[in-house]
Amino acid sequence: MEKLNITSGCIVQIAAFDEIPEHSFLVDEVYDDCITGVALSGLLAGEYGEPDLALIVRVLSTPS
């Protein structure tokens, strides 16, 4: 698996899981096994989450 450079403020694409479609996610904090933040799109838009790093498909944008 490719090592992604993920930091606070990044927007990432989260893979589909448990009948939740793929969606964008604003990263707040990065840990060894997961990230925390808020979903920006899809069924979970506006909801806090802690997705596993393995669910990150790609980095969509980085903080400027």
C-alpha atoms as a PDB file:
ATOM      1  CA  MET A   1       0.000   0.000   0.000  1.00  0.00           C
ATOM      2  CA  GLU A   2       1.268   3.462  -0.914  1.00  0.00           C
ATOM      3  CA  LYS A   3       2.243   5.692   2.029  1.00  0.00           C
ATOM      4  CA  LEU A   4       0.000   8.777   1.974  1.00  0.00           C
ATOM      5  CA  ASN A   5       1.134  12.091   3.457  1.00  0.00           C
ATOM      6  CA  ILE A   6      -1.885  12.949   5.611  1.00  0.00           C
ATOM      7  CA  THR A   7      -1.920  15.900   7.998  1.00  0.00           C
ATOM      8  CA  SER A   8      -4.489  17.934   9.880  1.00  0.00           C
ATOM      9  CA  GLY A   9      -6.525  19.972   7.401  1.00  0.00           C
ATOM     10  CA  CYS A  10      -6.241  17.482   4.524  1.00  0.00           C
ATOM     11  CA  ILE A  11      -9.342  16.377   2.695  1.00  0.00           C
ATOM     12  CA  VAL A  12      -9.277  12.669   1.889  1.00  0.00           C
ATOM     13  CA  GLN A  13     -11.552  10.243   0.064  1.00  0.00           C
ATOM     14  CA  ILE A  14     -12.882   7.460   2.323  1.00  0.00           C
ATOM     15  CA  ALA A  15     -13.777   4.109   0.740  1.00  0.00           C
ATOM     16  CA  ALA A  16     -17.309   2.747   0.891  1.00  0.00           C
ATOM     17  CA  PHE A  17     -18.107   0.588   3.941  1.00  0.00           C
ATOM     18  CA  ASP A  18     -21.192  -0.891   5.645  1.00  0.00           C
ATOM     19  CA  GLU A  19     -23.603   0.441   2.982  1.00  0.00           C
ATOM     20  CA  ILE A  20     -22.073   3.942   3.275  1.00  0.00           C
ATOM     21  CA  PRO A  21     -20.841   5.142  -0.140  1.00  0.00           C
ATOM     22  CA  GLU A  22     -17.398   6.601  -0.749  1.00  0.00           C
ATOM     23  CA  HIS A  23     -17.200  10.165   0.614  1.00  0.00           C
ATOM     24  CA  SER A  24     -14.848  13.072   1.324  1.00  0.00           C
ATOM     25  CA  PHE A  25     -13.581  13.667   4.852  1.00  0.00           C
ATOM     26  CA  LEU A  26     -11.816  16.623   6.522  1.00  0.00           C
ATOM     27  CA  VAL A  27      -8.953  15.394   8.729  1.00  0.00           C
ATOM     28  CA  ASP A  28      -8.602  16.861  12.214  1.00  0.00           C
ATOM     29  CA  GLU A  29      -6.015  14.549  13.804  1.00  0.00           C
ATOM     30  CA  VAL A  30      -3.838  11.684  12.538  1.00  0.00           C
ATOM     31  CA  TYR A  31      -3.014   8.626  14.682  1.00  0.00           C
ATOM     32  CA  ASP A  32      -1.084   5.392  14.026  1.00  0.00           C
ATOM     33  CA  ASP A  33      -4.171   3.458  12.951  1.00  0.00           C
ATOM     34  CA  CYS A  34      -6.902   6.030  12.215  1.00  0.00           C
ATOM     35  CA  ILE A  35      -7.787   9.645  11.566  1.00  0.00           C
ATOM     36  CA  THR A  36     -10.407  11.824  13.209  1.00  0.00           C
ATOM     37  CA  GLY A  37     -12.513  14.522  11.614  1.00  0.00           C
ATOM     38  CA  VAL A  38     -15.779  15.276   9.852  1.00  0.00           C
ATOM     39  CA  ALA A  39     -17.433  13.840   6.753  1.00  0.00           C
ATOM     40  CA  LEU A  40     -17.928  16.520   4.089  1.00  0.00           C
ATOM     41  CA  SER A  41     -20.182  14.645   1.686  1.00  0.00           C
ATOM     42  CA  GLY A  42     -22.526  11.707   1.433  1.00  0.00           C
ATOM     43  CA  LEU A  43     -24.883  10.232   3.999  1.00  0.00           C
ATOM     44  CA  LEU A  44     -22.575  11.139   6.900  1.00  0.00           C
ATOM     45  CA  ALA A  45     -21.959  14.785   5.908  1.00  0.00           C
ATOM     46  CA  GLY A  46     -21.347  16.870   9.022  1.00  0.00           C
ATOM     47  CA  GLU A  47     -20.807  13.832  11.251  1.00  0.00           C
ATOM     48  CA  TYR A  48     -17.665  13.232  13.334  1.00  0.00           C
ATOM     49  CA  GLY A  49     -15.804  10.017  12.554  1.00  0.00           C
ATOM     50  CA  GLU A  50     -12.684   7.968  13.239  1.00  0.00           C
ATOM     51  CA  PRO A  51     -12.056   5.941  10.064  1.00  0.00           C
ATOM     52  CA  ASP A  52      -9.163   3.479   9.879  1.00  0.00           C
ATOM     53  CA  LEU A  53      -6.205   4.548   7.755  1.00  0.00           C
ATOM     54  CA  ALA A  54      -6.893   1.528   5.520  1.00  0.00           C
ATOM     55  CA  LEU A  55     -10.159   3.178   4.365  1.00  0.00           C
ATOM     56  CA  ILE A  56      -8.382   6.184   2.844  1.00  0.00           C
ATOM     57  CA  VAL A  57      -8.497   5.914  -0.942  1.00  0.00           C
ATOM     58  CA  ARG A  58      -6.542   9.093  -1.764  1.00  0.00           C
ATOM     59  CA  VAL A  59      -5.702  12.590  -0.590  1.00  0.00           C
ATOM     60  CA  LEU A  60      -7.938  15.116  -2.386  1.00  0.00           C
ATOM     61  CA  SER A  61      -6.313  18.315  -1.047  1.00  0.00           C
ATOM     62  CA  THR A  62      -3.775  19.486   1.489  1.00  0.00           C
ATOM     63  CA  PRO A  63      -3.854  22.581   3.691  1.00  0.00           C
ATOM     64  CA  SER A  64      -2.300  25.655   2.087  1.00  0.00           C
END
